[in-house]
Amino acid sequence: MILEARDIIKRPLVTEKSVDGASIHKYTFEVNPGVNKIQIRKAVEEIFGVKVIKVNTINVKGKRRGFGRVRGKMSDWKKAIVTLREGDKIELDGIDYFEM
């Protein structure tokens, strides 16, 4: 099955740690769990028009949650940390979220 670039990259993760990483050209995204590093690299380059140097991925296990007597588990998901070439940066909807 061939996935579109927008199906591979679900959303950017904007946390304190990911915003700090943007200063050294590292950006963090939630990605589709079934994709590999090569697909992530191509998708980021296609969507944002930047050159990717390196991709690191992490499989994040879902946490157990409870509400009253009901117990459940949040979904597992995959995180990608993408390192860009010197001078490249990512802006979303005209706003540079990572430079805030």
N, C-alpha and C. Protein backbone atom coordinates (compact mmCIF):
# COMPACT_ATOMS: atom_id res chain seq x y z
N MET A 1 0.84 -1.18 0.00
CA MET A 1 0.00 0.00 0.00
C MET A 1 0.89 1.25 0.00
N ILE A 2 0.60 2.15 -0.91
CA ILE A 2 1.37 3.38 -1.02
C ILE A 2 0.64 4.48 -0.25
N LEU A 3 1.37 5.11 0.66
CA LEU A 3 0.80 6.19 1.46
C LEU A 3 1.21 7.54 0.92
N GLU A 4 0.31 8.50 1.00
CA GLU A 4 0.62 9.88 0.65
C GLU A 4 1.46 10.50 1.77
N ALA A 5 2.18 11.56 1.46
CA ALA A 5 3.04 12.22 2.46
C ALA A 5 2.22 12.69 3.65
N ARG A 6 1.01 13.18 3.41
CA ARG A 6 0.16 13.68 4.51
C ARG A 6 -0.37 12.54 5.38
N ASP A 7 -0.38 11.31 4.85
CA ASP A 7 -0.80 10.16 5.65
C ASP A 7 0.35 9.65 6.52
N ILE A 8 1.57 9.93 6.11
CA ILE A 8 2.75 9.49 6.86
C ILE A 8 2.98 10.39 8.06
N ILE A 9 3.00 11.71 7.84
CA ILE A 9 3.20 12.69 8.91
C ILE A 9 1.83 13.08 9.44
N LYS A 10 1.53 12.69 10.68
CA LYS A 10 0.22 13.00 11.25
C LYS A 10 0.16 14.44 11.76
N ARG A 11 1.15 14.82 12.59
CA ARG A 11 1.15 16.18 13.15
C ARG A 11 2.51 16.47 13.76
N PRO A 12 2.86 17.75 13.87
CA PRO A 12 4.09 18.09 14.60
C PRO A 12 3.82 18.02 16.10
N LEU A 13 4.82 17.63 16.86
CA LEU A 13 4.70 17.63 18.32
C LEU A 13 5.36 18.89 18.85
N VAL A 14 4.56 19.75 19.46
CA VAL A 14 5.07 21.01 19.99
C VAL A 14 5.08 20.89 21.51
N THR A 15 6.24 20.56 22.05
CA THR A 15 6.45 20.47 23.49
C THR A 15 7.68 21.30 23.83
N GLU A 16 7.96 21.47 25.10
CA GLU A 16 9.14 22.24 25.50
C GLU A 16 10.41 21.61 24.93
N LYS A 17 10.49 20.30 25.01
CA LYS A 17 11.68 19.61 24.53
C LYS A 17 11.83 19.71 23.01
N SER A 18 10.71 19.58 22.27
CA SER A 18 10.81 19.67 20.81
C SER A 18 11.11 21.09 20.34
N VAL A 19 10.61 22.09 21.04
CA VAL A 19 10.90 23.48 20.69
C VAL A 19 12.39 23.77 20.94
N ASP A 20 12.95 23.24 22.01
CA ASP A 20 14.39 23.40 22.27
C ASP A 20 15.22 22.72 21.18
N GLY A 21 14.75 21.58 20.69
CA GLY A 21 15.45 20.85 19.64
C GLY A 21 15.49 21.60 18.32
N ALA A 22 14.52 22.47 18.08
CA ALA A 22 14.48 23.23 16.82
C ALA A 22 15.68 24.16 16.69
N SER A 23 16.27 24.57 17.81
CA SER A 23 17.45 25.44 17.75
C SER A 23 18.66 24.71 17.18
N ILE A 24 18.65 23.37 17.24
CA ILE A 24 19.74 22.59 16.64
C ILE A 24 19.23 21.79 15.44
N HIS A 25 18.17 22.31 14.80
CA HIS A 25 17.60 21.79 13.55
C HIS A 25 16.99 20.40 13.71
N LYS A 26 16.41 20.09 14.88
CA LYS A 26 15.72 18.83 15.10
C LYS A 26 14.25 19.11 15.34
N TYR A 27 13.39 18.48 14.54
CA TYR A 27 11.96 18.68 14.62
C TYR A 27 11.28 17.34 14.90
N THR A 28 10.21 17.37 15.69
CA THR A 28 9.56 16.15 16.15
C THR A 28 8.15 16.06 15.58
N PHE A 29 7.79 14.86 15.09
CA PHE A 29 6.48 14.63 14.49
C PHE A 29 5.89 13.33 15.01
N GLU A 30 4.55 13.28 15.06
CA GLU A 30 3.86 12.01 15.24
C GLU A 30 3.66 11.45 13.85
N VAL A 31 4.03 10.18 13.65
CA VAL A 31 3.94 9.58 12.32
C VAL A 31 3.11 8.31 12.36
N ASN A 32 2.74 7.83 11.19
CA ASN A 32 2.01 6.58 11.06
C ASN A 32 2.89 5.44 11.57
N PRO A 33 2.38 4.56 12.44
CA PRO A 33 3.21 3.51 13.02
C PRO A 33 3.77 2.50 12.02
N GLY A 34 3.21 2.40 10.84
CA GLY A 34 3.65 1.39 9.88
C GLY A 34 4.70 1.86 8.89
N VAL A 35 5.22 3.07 9.06
CA VAL A 35 6.19 3.59 8.08
C VAL A 35 7.62 3.46 8.58
N ASN A 36 8.57 3.52 7.63
CA ASN A 36 9.97 3.42 8.00
C ASN A 36 10.66 4.78 7.85
N LYS A 37 11.95 4.83 8.16
CA LYS A 37 12.69 6.09 8.16
C LYS A 37 12.80 6.70 6.77
N ILE A 38 12.92 5.88 5.76
CA ILE A 38 13.04 6.39 4.39
C ILE A 38 11.74 7.07 3.97
N GLN A 39 10.60 6.47 4.29
CA GLN A 39 9.31 7.09 3.97
C GLN A 39 9.12 8.40 4.72
N ILE A 40 9.55 8.44 5.98
CA ILE A 40 9.43 9.67 6.78
C ILE A 40 10.29 10.77 6.16
N ARG A 41 11.53 10.44 5.78
CA ARG A 41 12.44 11.40 5.15
C ARG A 41 11.82 11.99 3.89
N LYS A 42 11.29 11.15 3.01
CA LYS A 42 10.70 11.62 1.75
C LYS A 42 9.47 12.48 2.01
N ALA A 43 8.65 12.10 3.00
CA ALA A 43 7.43 12.85 3.30
C ALA A 43 7.76 14.25 3.83
N VAL A 44 8.73 14.36 4.74
CA VAL A 44 9.11 15.67 5.29
C VAL A 44 9.70 16.55 4.20
N GLU A 45 10.55 15.97 3.35
CA GLU A 45 11.14 16.75 2.26
C GLU A 45 10.08 17.23 1.28
N GLU A 46 9.07 16.38 1.00
CA GLU A 46 8.00 16.75 0.07
C GLU A 46 7.07 17.82 0.66
N ILE A 47 6.67 17.66 1.90
CA ILE A 47 5.70 18.58 2.51
C ILE A 47 6.32 19.95 2.79
N PHE A 48 7.51 19.96 3.39
CA PHE A 48 8.09 21.22 3.86
C PHE A 48 9.18 21.78 2.96
N GLY A 49 9.62 21.05 1.95
CA GLY A 49 10.63 21.56 1.03
C GLY A 49 11.99 21.79 1.68
N VAL A 50 12.41 20.88 2.54
CA VAL A 50 13.70 20.98 3.23
C VAL A 50 14.52 19.73 2.94
N LYS A 51 15.79 19.74 3.31
CA LYS A 51 16.68 18.60 3.13
C LYS A 51 16.88 17.92 4.49
N VAL A 52 16.51 16.64 4.58
CA VAL A 52 16.63 15.87 5.82
C VAL A 52 17.98 15.18 5.85
N ILE A 53 18.69 15.34 6.96
CA ILE A 53 19.99 14.71 7.15
C ILE A 53 19.84 13.36 7.85
N LYS A 54 18.96 13.29 8.87
CA LYS A 54 18.87 12.11 9.71
C LYS A 54 17.46 11.98 10.27
N VAL A 55 17.00 10.72 10.46
CA VAL A 55 15.69 10.44 11.05
C VAL A 55 15.86 9.43 12.17
N ASN A 56 15.37 9.77 13.36
CA ASN A 56 15.33 8.83 14.48
C ASN A 56 13.87 8.56 14.80
N THR A 57 13.53 7.30 15.07
CA THR A 57 12.15 6.95 15.39
C THR A 57 12.06 6.29 16.75
N ILE A 58 10.92 6.49 17.41
CA ILE A 58 10.66 5.91 18.72
C ILE A 58 9.23 5.38 18.72
N ASN A 59 9.05 4.12 19.14
CA ASN A 59 7.71 3.57 19.33
C ASN A 59 7.30 3.86 20.76
N VAL A 60 6.24 4.64 20.94
CA VAL A 60 5.79 5.06 22.26
C VAL A 60 4.62 4.18 22.68
N LYS A 61 4.75 3.54 23.82
CA LYS A 61 3.69 2.69 24.35
C LYS A 61 2.60 3.55 24.98
N GLY A 62 1.34 3.18 24.76
CA GLY A 62 0.21 3.90 25.33
C GLY A 62 0.13 3.70 26.84
N LYS A 63 -0.27 4.75 27.53
CA LYS A 63 -0.38 4.68 28.99
C LYS A 63 -1.71 4.04 29.40
N ARG A 64 -1.70 3.43 30.56
CA ARG A 64 -2.94 2.89 31.13
C ARG A 64 -3.68 4.03 31.82
N ARG A 65 -4.97 4.09 31.58
CA ARG A 65 -5.80 5.15 32.16
C ARG A 65 -7.02 4.53 32.81
N GLY A 66 -7.57 5.25 33.77
CA GLY A 66 -8.78 4.79 34.42
C GLY A 66 -9.73 5.95 34.65
N PHE A 67 -11.00 5.66 34.57
CA PHE A 67 -12.02 6.64 34.86
C PHE A 67 -13.08 5.93 35.69
N GLY A 68 -13.04 6.15 37.01
CA GLY A 68 -13.94 5.42 37.89
C GLY A 68 -13.56 3.95 37.91
N ARG A 69 -14.55 3.11 37.63
CA ARG A 69 -14.29 1.67 37.61
C ARG A 69 -13.82 1.17 36.24
N VAL A 70 -13.85 2.02 35.25
CA VAL A 70 -13.48 1.63 33.90
C VAL A 70 -11.99 1.81 33.70
N ARG A 71 -11.32 0.76 33.26
CA ARG A 71 -9.89 0.80 32.98
C ARG A 71 -9.69 0.69 31.48
N GLY A 72 -8.68 1.36 30.98
CA GLY A 72 -8.39 1.29 29.56
C GLY A 72 -6.93 1.59 29.29
N LYS A 73 -6.59 1.63 28.02
CA LYS A 73 -5.22 1.89 27.61
C LYS A 73 -5.26 2.82 26.41
N MET A 74 -4.42 3.84 26.44
CA MET A 74 -4.32 4.73 25.30
C MET A 74 -3.57 4.03 24.17
N SER A 75 -3.75 4.49 22.97
CA SER A 75 -3.13 3.84 21.81
C SER A 75 -1.62 4.00 21.81
N ASP A 76 -0.92 2.99 21.27
CA ASP A 76 0.51 3.10 21.01
C ASP A 76 0.68 4.00 19.79
N TRP A 77 1.80 4.72 19.71
CA TRP A 77 2.04 5.60 18.58
C TRP A 77 3.52 5.69 18.29
N LYS A 78 3.87 6.32 17.17
CA LYS A 78 5.25 6.40 16.75
C LYS A 78 5.66 7.85 16.60
N LYS A 79 6.87 8.15 17.10
CA LYS A 79 7.41 9.50 17.07
C LYS A 79 8.66 9.50 16.20
N ALA A 80 8.83 10.57 15.40
CA ALA A 80 10.03 10.71 14.57
C ALA A 80 10.71 12.03 14.89
N ILE A 81 12.02 11.98 15.11
CA ILE A 81 12.82 13.18 15.31
C ILE A 81 13.67 13.34 14.06
N VAL A 82 13.43 14.44 13.34
CA VAL A 82 14.04 14.67 12.03
C VAL A 82 15.08 15.77 12.15
N THR A 83 16.31 15.50 11.72
CA THR A 83 17.38 16.49 11.72
C THR A 83 17.51 17.07 10.31
N LEU A 84 17.47 18.40 10.22
CA LEU A 84 17.54 19.08 8.93
C LEU A 84 18.93 19.62 8.66
N ARG A 85 19.16 19.92 7.39
CA ARG A 85 20.41 20.53 6.96
C ARG A 85 20.55 21.92 7.59
N GLU A 86 21.77 22.34 7.83
CA GLU A 86 22.05 23.67 8.39
C GLU A 86 21.40 24.74 7.52
N GLY A 87 20.65 25.63 8.14
CA GLY A 87 20.00 26.72 7.41
C GLY A 87 18.55 26.45 7.07
N ASP A 88 18.10 25.20 7.07
CA ASP A 88 16.70 24.87 6.80
C ASP A 88 15.90 24.96 8.10
N LYS A 89 14.64 25.35 7.98
CA LYS A 89 13.74 25.33 9.13
C LYS A 89 12.33 25.09 8.64
N ILE A 90 11.46 24.70 9.55
CA ILE A 90 10.09 24.35 9.21
C ILE A 90 9.16 25.39 9.78
N GLU A 91 8.26 25.90 8.93
CA GLU A 91 7.21 26.82 9.37
C GLU A 91 5.88 26.18 9.05
N LEU A 92 4.93 26.29 9.97
CA LEU A 92 3.61 25.72 9.79
C LEU A 92 2.57 26.82 9.67
N ASP A 93 1.84 26.86 8.55
CA ASP A 93 0.80 27.86 8.29
C ASP A 93 1.33 29.28 8.41
N GLY A 94 2.56 29.49 7.96
CA GLY A 94 3.12 30.84 7.98
C GLY A 94 3.64 31.27 9.33
N ILE A 95 3.42 30.48 10.37
CA ILE A 95 3.89 30.81 11.72
C ILE A 95 5.00 29.84 12.07
N ASP A 96 6.10 30.36 12.52
CA ASP A 96 7.22 29.51 12.91
C ASP A 96 7.04 29.09 14.36
N TYR A 97 6.30 27.98 14.59
CA TYR A 97 5.98 27.52 15.93
C TYR A 97 7.24 27.16 16.72
N PHE A 98 8.27 26.71 16.02
CA PHE A 98 9.45 26.22 16.71
C PHE A 98 10.39 27.35 17.13
N GLU A 99 10.14 28.57 16.74
CA GLU A 99 10.99 29.69 17.13
C GLU A 99 10.32 30.55 18.19
N MET A 100 9.19 30.11 18.73
CA MET A 100 8.45 30.90 19.73
C MET A 100 9.13 30.83 21.07
